[in-house]
N, C-alpha and C. Protein backbone atom coordinates (compact mmCIF):
# COMPACT_ATOMS: atom_id res chain seq x y z
N UNK A 1 183.25 338.26 -173.73
CA UNK A 1 183.22 337.05 -174.44
C UNK A 1 182.51 336.35 -173.43
N UNK A 2 182.45 336.58 -172.63
CA UNK A 2 181.53 335.47 -170.95
C UNK A 2 179.86 336.10 -171.37
N UNK A 3 179.92 337.02 -171.69
CA UNK A 3 178.37 337.56 -171.66
C UNK A 3 177.91 337.08 -173.06
N UNK A 4 178.99 336.73 -174.44
CA UNK A 4 178.10 335.95 -175.22
C UNK A 4 177.91 334.53 -174.72
N UNK A 5 179.21 334.00 -174.79
CA UNK A 5 178.86 332.53 -174.29
C UNK A 5 177.60 332.18 -173.05
N UNK A 6 177.28 333.02 -172.70
CA UNK A 6 176.37 332.99 -171.43
C UNK A 6 174.85 333.22 -172.45
N UNK A 7 174.96 334.02 -173.08
CA UNK A 7 173.72 334.09 -174.23
C UNK A 7 173.35 332.77 -174.96
N UNK A 8 174.90 332.45 -175.60
CA UNK A 8 174.50 331.19 -176.25
C UNK A 8 174.08 330.12 -175.44
N UNK A 9 174.63 330.00 -174.25
CA UNK A 9 174.28 328.64 -173.60
C UNK A 9 172.73 328.85 -173.07
N UNK A 10 172.20 329.84 -172.72
CA UNK A 10 170.99 330.32 -172.27
C UNK A 10 169.95 330.39 -173.20
N UNK A 11 169.97 329.92 -174.64
CA UNK A 11 169.04 329.48 -175.55
C UNK A 11 169.32 328.15 -176.35
N UNK A 12 170.15 327.35 -175.86
CA UNK A 12 170.69 326.07 -176.10
C UNK A 12 169.23 324.93 -174.96
N UNK A 13 168.80 324.52 -176.18
CA UNK A 13 167.55 323.57 -175.74
C UNK A 13 167.99 321.99 -174.24
N UNK A 14 166.84 322.05 -173.68
CA UNK A 14 167.44 321.26 -172.45
C UNK A 14 167.43 319.86 -172.98
N UNK A 15 168.65 319.07 -172.68
CA UNK A 15 168.58 317.77 -172.74
C UNK A 15 167.30 317.16 -172.03
N UNK A 16 167.08 315.89 -172.98
CA UNK A 16 165.79 315.31 -172.38
C UNK A 16 167.05 314.15 -171.81
N UNK A 17 165.87 313.83 -170.68
CA UNK A 17 166.53 312.61 -169.58
C UNK A 17 166.44 311.37 -170.40
N UNK A 18 165.51 310.90 -170.77
CA UNK A 18 165.45 309.84 -171.33
C UNK A 18 164.63 309.88 -172.57
N UNK A 19 163.72 310.04 -172.92
CA UNK A 19 162.98 310.22 -174.45
C UNK A 19 162.26 311.56 -174.27
N UNK A 20 160.68 311.34 -173.91
CA UNK A 20 160.29 312.45 -174.09
C UNK A 20 159.92 313.63 -173.24
N UNK A 21 160.12 313.33 -171.86
CA UNK A 21 160.38 314.45 -171.05
C UNK A 21 161.48 315.09 -170.76
N UNK A 22 161.65 316.52 -171.43
CA UNK A 22 162.76 317.40 -171.20
C UNK A 22 163.10 317.65 -169.78
N UNK A 23 164.63 317.64 -168.92
CA UNK A 23 164.82 317.55 -167.88
C UNK A 23 164.50 319.12 -167.56
N UNK A 24 164.04 319.36 -166.14
CA UNK A 24 163.91 320.85 -165.93
C UNK A 24 162.47 321.44 -165.88
N UNK A 25 161.47 320.51 -166.47
CA UNK A 25 160.19 321.18 -167.03
C UNK A 25 159.30 320.38 -166.39
N UNK A 26 158.10 321.03 -166.06
CA UNK A 26 157.33 320.16 -164.99
C UNK A 26 156.32 319.67 -165.57
N UNK A 27 155.99 318.31 -165.43
CA UNK A 27 154.83 317.45 -166.61
C UNK A 27 153.10 317.96 -165.83
N UNK A 28 152.41 318.22 -166.47
CA UNK A 28 151.03 318.71 -166.52
C UNK A 28 150.03 316.87 -166.51
N UNK A 29 149.47 317.10 -165.30
CA UNK A 29 148.99 315.60 -164.93
C UNK A 29 147.55 315.71 -165.54
N UNK A 30 147.40 314.77 -166.50
CA UNK A 30 146.45 314.63 -167.32
C UNK A 30 145.24 313.94 -166.81
N UNK A 31 145.47 312.79 -166.15
CA UNK A 31 144.82 311.99 -164.97
C UNK A 31 145.08 311.16 -163.97
N UNK A 32 144.32 310.56 -163.39
CA UNK A 32 144.82 310.07 -162.00
C UNK A 32 143.64 308.79 -162.06
N UNK A 33 143.76 307.59 -161.87
CA UNK A 33 142.68 306.91 -162.01
C UNK A 33 142.95 305.60 -160.60
N UNK A 34 141.96 305.32 -159.93
CA UNK A 34 142.16 304.34 -159.10
C UNK A 34 141.20 302.88 -159.75
N UNK A 35 142.47 301.83 -160.07
CA UNK A 35 141.63 300.82 -160.83
C UNK A 35 141.46 299.45 -159.93
N UNK A 36 140.92 298.60 -160.40
CA UNK A 36 140.81 297.37 -159.63
C UNK A 36 140.91 296.39 -160.63
N UNK A 37 142.02 295.69 -160.50
CA UNK A 37 142.18 294.60 -161.46
C UNK A 37 141.60 293.35 -160.85
N UNK A 38 140.68 292.89 -161.65
CA UNK A 38 140.06 291.68 -161.42
C UNK A 38 140.91 289.73 -161.35
N UNK A 39 141.28 289.38 -159.98
CA UNK A 39 141.99 288.38 -160.24
C UNK A 39 141.68 287.25 -161.44
N UNK A 40 143.06 286.94 -162.38
CA UNK A 40 142.77 286.17 -162.74
C UNK A 40 142.48 286.62 -164.75
N UNK A 41 141.93 287.94 -164.65
CA UNK A 41 142.08 288.26 -166.04
C UNK A 41 142.51 289.42 -166.49
N UNK A 42 142.94 289.71 -167.60
CA UNK A 42 143.54 290.32 -168.04
C UNK A 42 142.65 291.79 -168.72
N UNK A 43 143.35 293.08 -168.50
CA UNK A 43 142.70 294.05 -168.30
C UNK A 43 142.86 295.14 -169.12
N UNK A 44 142.27 296.00 -169.94
CA UNK A 44 143.55 297.24 -170.21
C UNK A 44 142.95 298.18 -169.66
N UNK A 45 144.34 298.87 -168.91
CA UNK A 45 144.40 299.55 -168.29
C UNK A 45 144.46 301.60 -168.56
N UNK A 46 145.52 301.44 -169.55
CA UNK A 46 145.54 302.81 -170.70
C UNK A 46 145.10 302.23 -171.98
N UNK A 47 144.70 303.76 -172.65
CA UNK A 47 144.49 303.24 -174.21
C UNK A 47 144.87 304.61 -174.93
N UNK A 48 145.56 305.47 -174.22
CA UNK A 48 145.53 307.12 -175.26
C UNK A 48 146.51 306.96 -176.22
N UNK A 49 146.37 307.74 -177.03
CA UNK A 49 147.02 308.30 -178.50
C UNK A 49 148.11 309.05 -177.97
N UNK A 50 148.15 309.71 -176.90
CA UNK A 50 149.40 310.90 -176.77
C UNK A 50 149.62 310.52 -175.07
N UNK A 51 150.46 310.55 -174.61
CA UNK A 51 151.18 311.17 -173.27
C UNK A 51 152.73 311.30 -173.35
N UNK A 52 152.98 312.07 -172.08
CA UNK A 52 154.63 312.00 -172.03
C UNK A 52 154.67 311.16 -171.09
N UNK A 53 154.28 310.74 -170.28
CA UNK A 53 154.96 309.17 -169.70
C UNK A 53 153.49 309.02 -168.43
N UNK A 54 154.13 307.89 -168.09
CA UNK A 54 152.60 307.25 -167.53
C UNK A 54 153.53 306.76 -166.25
N UNK A 55 151.96 306.53 -164.87
CA UNK A 55 153.28 306.30 -163.74
C UNK A 55 151.94 304.98 -163.34
N UNK A 56 152.47 303.97 -162.88
CA UNK A 56 151.42 303.25 -161.99
C UNK A 56 152.40 302.62 -160.92
N UNK A 57 151.13 302.52 -159.86
CA UNK A 57 151.52 302.15 -158.96
C UNK A 57 150.88 300.91 -157.99
N UNK A 58 151.35 300.05 -157.72
CA UNK A 58 150.76 298.68 -157.35
C UNK A 58 150.73 298.91 -155.62
N UNK A 59 149.98 299.28 -154.95
CA UNK A 59 149.91 298.83 -153.32
C UNK A 59 149.69 297.16 -152.89
N UNK A 60 149.09 296.41 -153.62
CA UNK A 60 148.80 294.97 -153.05
C UNK A 60 149.35 294.24 -153.69
N UNK A 61 149.25 293.19 -154.45
CA UNK A 61 149.67 291.67 -155.00
C UNK A 61 150.39 292.20 -156.15
N UNK A 62 151.53 291.47 -156.55
CA UNK A 62 152.27 291.87 -157.65
C UNK A 62 151.15 291.99 -159.29
N UNK A 63 151.70 292.51 -159.96
CA UNK A 63 150.85 292.75 -161.07
C UNK A 63 151.77 292.67 -162.54
N UNK A 64 151.34 292.08 -163.79
CA UNK A 64 152.02 291.29 -164.84
C UNK A 64 151.54 292.68 -165.75
N UNK A 65 152.04 293.39 -166.57
CA UNK A 65 151.56 293.98 -167.95
C UNK A 65 152.25 293.80 -169.12
N UNK A 66 151.59 294.03 -170.41
CA UNK A 66 151.92 294.30 -171.35
C UNK A 66 151.82 295.86 -172.24
N UNK A 67 152.65 295.99 -173.08
CA UNK A 67 152.27 297.12 -174.14
C UNK A 67 151.98 296.87 -175.26
N UNK A 68 151.34 297.69 -176.16
CA UNK A 68 150.99 297.40 -177.28
C UNK A 68 151.42 296.62 -178.37
N UNK A 69 152.88 296.94 -178.28
CA UNK A 69 153.71 295.93 -178.66
C UNK A 69 153.51 294.47 -178.95
N UNK A 70 153.04 294.28 -177.55
CA UNK A 70 153.31 292.79 -176.93
C UNK A 70 152.10 291.86 -177.82
N UNK A 71 152.62 291.02 -178.39
CA UNK A 71 151.40 289.65 -179.15
C UNK A 71 151.13 288.76 -177.89
N UNK A 72 151.47 289.01 -176.95
CA UNK A 72 150.78 288.35 -175.87
C UNK A 72 150.25 289.03 -174.54
N UNK A 73 149.10 288.48 -173.88
CA UNK A 73 148.33 288.69 -173.13
C UNK A 73 149.47 288.87 -172.21
N UNK A 74 149.18 289.32 -170.98
CA UNK A 74 149.89 289.32 -169.87
C UNK A 74 149.27 288.16 -168.90
N UNK A 75 149.87 287.58 -167.97
CA UNK A 75 149.57 286.19 -167.31
C UNK A 75 150.39 286.24 -166.34
N UNK A 76 150.44 285.43 -165.19
CA UNK A 76 151.43 285.18 -164.47
C UNK A 76 153.43 284.62 -165.36
N UNK A 77 154.25 285.23 -164.84
CA UNK A 77 155.05 285.21 -165.92
C UNK A 77 155.61 285.63 -167.07
N UNK A 78 154.66 286.24 -167.70
CA UNK A 78 154.23 286.48 -169.15
C UNK A 78 154.05 288.06 -168.96
N UNK A 79 154.94 288.97 -169.27
CA UNK A 79 154.74 290.49 -169.12
C UNK A 79 155.92 290.67 -168.05
N UNK A 80 155.81 292.54 -168.01
CA UNK A 80 156.94 293.02 -166.93
C UNK A 80 156.12 292.65 -165.64
N UNK A 81 157.01 292.82 -164.92
CA UNK A 81 156.52 291.92 -163.65
C UNK A 81 156.67 293.61 -162.25
N UNK A 82 155.41 293.53 -161.89
CA UNK A 82 155.51 294.87 -161.22
C UNK A 82 155.38 294.23 -159.66
N UNK A 83 156.02 294.39 -158.64
CA UNK A 83 155.78 293.69 -157.52
C UNK A 83 155.00 294.55 -156.51
N UNK A 84 154.80 293.80 -155.53
CA UNK A 84 153.90 294.75 -154.51
C UNK A 84 154.35 295.59 -153.92
N UNK A 85 153.71 297.05 -153.63
CA UNK A 85 154.19 298.10 -153.62
C UNK A 85 155.36 298.60 -154.29
N UNK A 86 155.25 298.99 -155.28
CA UNK A 86 156.24 299.63 -156.05
C UNK A 86 155.34 300.57 -157.10
N UNK A 87 156.09 301.22 -157.35
CA UNK A 87 155.63 302.54 -158.43
C UNK A 87 156.83 302.12 -159.91
N UNK A 88 156.42 302.10 -160.94
CA UNK A 88 156.79 302.24 -162.24
C UNK A 88 156.77 303.38 -163.39
N UNK A 89 157.70 304.02 -163.80
CA UNK A 89 157.23 304.97 -165.30
C UNK A 89 157.61 304.90 -166.15
N UNK A 90 156.43 304.96 -167.06
CA UNK A 90 156.56 304.58 -168.15
C UNK A 90 157.04 305.32 -169.40
N UNK A 91 157.66 306.05 -169.68
CA UNK A 91 158.32 306.92 -170.58
C UNK A 91 158.05 306.77 -172.08
N UNK A 92 157.16 307.82 -172.68
CA UNK A 92 156.77 307.58 -173.79
C UNK A 92 157.63 307.16 -175.12
N UNK A 93 158.86 307.94 -174.63
CA UNK A 93 159.59 308.15 -175.85
C UNK A 93 160.42 306.58 -175.75
N UNK A 94 160.17 305.58 -174.67
CA UNK A 94 160.73 304.13 -174.37
C UNK A 94 159.61 303.36 -174.76
N UNK A 95 158.21 303.63 -173.78
CA UNK A 95 157.02 302.48 -174.30
C UNK A 95 155.94 302.84 -175.33
N UNK A 96 155.79 303.77 -175.56
CA UNK A 96 154.76 304.86 -176.50
C UNK A 96 153.95 304.93 -175.49
N UNK A 97 152.65 305.51 -176.40
CA UNK A 97 151.31 305.73 -175.83
C UNK A 97 150.14 304.70 -175.94
N UNK A 98 150.41 303.58 -176.67
CA UNK A 98 149.48 303.08 -176.52
C UNK A 98 148.70 302.49 -175.78
N UNK A 99 148.21 301.21 -176.16
CA UNK A 99 147.48 300.08 -174.72
C UNK A 99 147.94 299.47 -173.95
N UNK A 100 148.07 299.19 -173.22
CA UNK A 100 148.85 298.98 -171.60
C UNK A 100 147.44 297.90 -171.12
N UNK A 101 147.95 296.71 -171.01
CA UNK A 101 146.87 295.73 -170.43
C UNK A 101 147.80 294.86 -168.79
N UNK A 102 146.74 294.40 -167.93
CA UNK A 102 147.74 294.60 -166.79
C UNK A 102 147.16 293.06 -166.57
N UNK A 103 147.61 292.29 -165.34
CA UNK A 103 147.54 291.05 -164.90
C UNK A 103 147.42 290.86 -163.68
N UNK A 104 146.86 290.31 -162.99
CA UNK A 104 146.71 289.84 -161.38
C UNK A 104 146.61 288.83 -160.89
N UNK A 105 146.93 288.03 -160.62
CA UNK A 105 146.19 286.50 -159.88
C UNK A 105 145.26 286.65 -159.14
N UNK A 106 145.63 287.76 -158.22
CA UNK A 106 144.10 288.05 -157.32
C UNK A 106 143.62 289.62 -157.22
N UNK A 107 142.49 289.61 -156.75
CA UNK A 107 141.96 290.78 -157.07
C UNK A 107 142.91 291.79 -156.26
N UNK A 108 142.94 293.25 -156.99
CA UNK A 108 143.95 294.16 -156.03
C UNK A 108 143.44 295.91 -156.98
N UNK A 109 144.49 296.69 -156.51
CA UNK A 109 143.50 298.10 -156.82
C UNK A 109 145.49 298.70 -156.94
N UNK A 110 144.67 299.34 -158.21
CA UNK A 110 145.99 300.16 -158.64
C UNK A 110 146.28 301.61 -158.74
N UNK A 111 147.12 302.54 -159.01
CA UNK A 111 146.56 303.78 -159.36
C UNK A 111 147.55 304.48 -161.06
N UNK A 112 146.95 304.52 -161.54
CA UNK A 112 147.70 305.06 -163.19
C UNK A 112 147.63 306.47 -163.09
N UNK A 113 148.47 306.98 -163.30
CA UNK A 113 148.35 308.66 -163.55
C UNK A 113 149.24 309.12 -165.07
N UNK A 114 148.26 309.73 -166.01
CA UNK A 114 149.44 310.08 -167.39
C UNK A 114 149.53 311.35 -167.42
N UNK A 115 150.32 311.85 -167.83
CA UNK A 115 150.86 312.91 -167.93
C UNK A 115 150.73 313.44 -169.92
N UNK A 116 150.29 314.56 -170.05
CA UNK A 116 149.88 314.69 -171.49
C UNK A 116 151.21 315.72 -172.27
N UNK A 117 151.25 316.84 -170.92
CA UNK A 117 152.21 318.08 -171.74
C UNK A 117 153.37 318.66 -170.61
N UNK A 118 154.17 319.27 -171.10
CA UNK A 118 154.61 319.76 -169.78
C UNK A 118 154.90 321.85 -170.24
N UNK A 119 155.29 321.74 -169.40
CA UNK A 119 155.51 323.25 -169.51
C UNK A 119 157.02 323.89 -169.18
């Protein structure tokens, strides 16, 4: 009886932690890019149509960002705020895989990593 239950449970698909990336799988990095956000200018930083998740790292000054569904361009106080020296993960099941636009009051560098599949 225990063997039958064990076989049944081992064939059960893994639970998803939040949306697109199933728990226990490794994600493959599609690209990692260092970008410069010019102070006072909204810039598109991502625009792919398929992904599993994205990671944005802000080593310098704070950055505001908006996703594709936003009608507003990011600016000081508009958009999602990323504080200096922070990292955020954008799961595709929650945020989608469309355009991401960023804004910083002063010029800063950011790192953007995109994951496209898992194994």
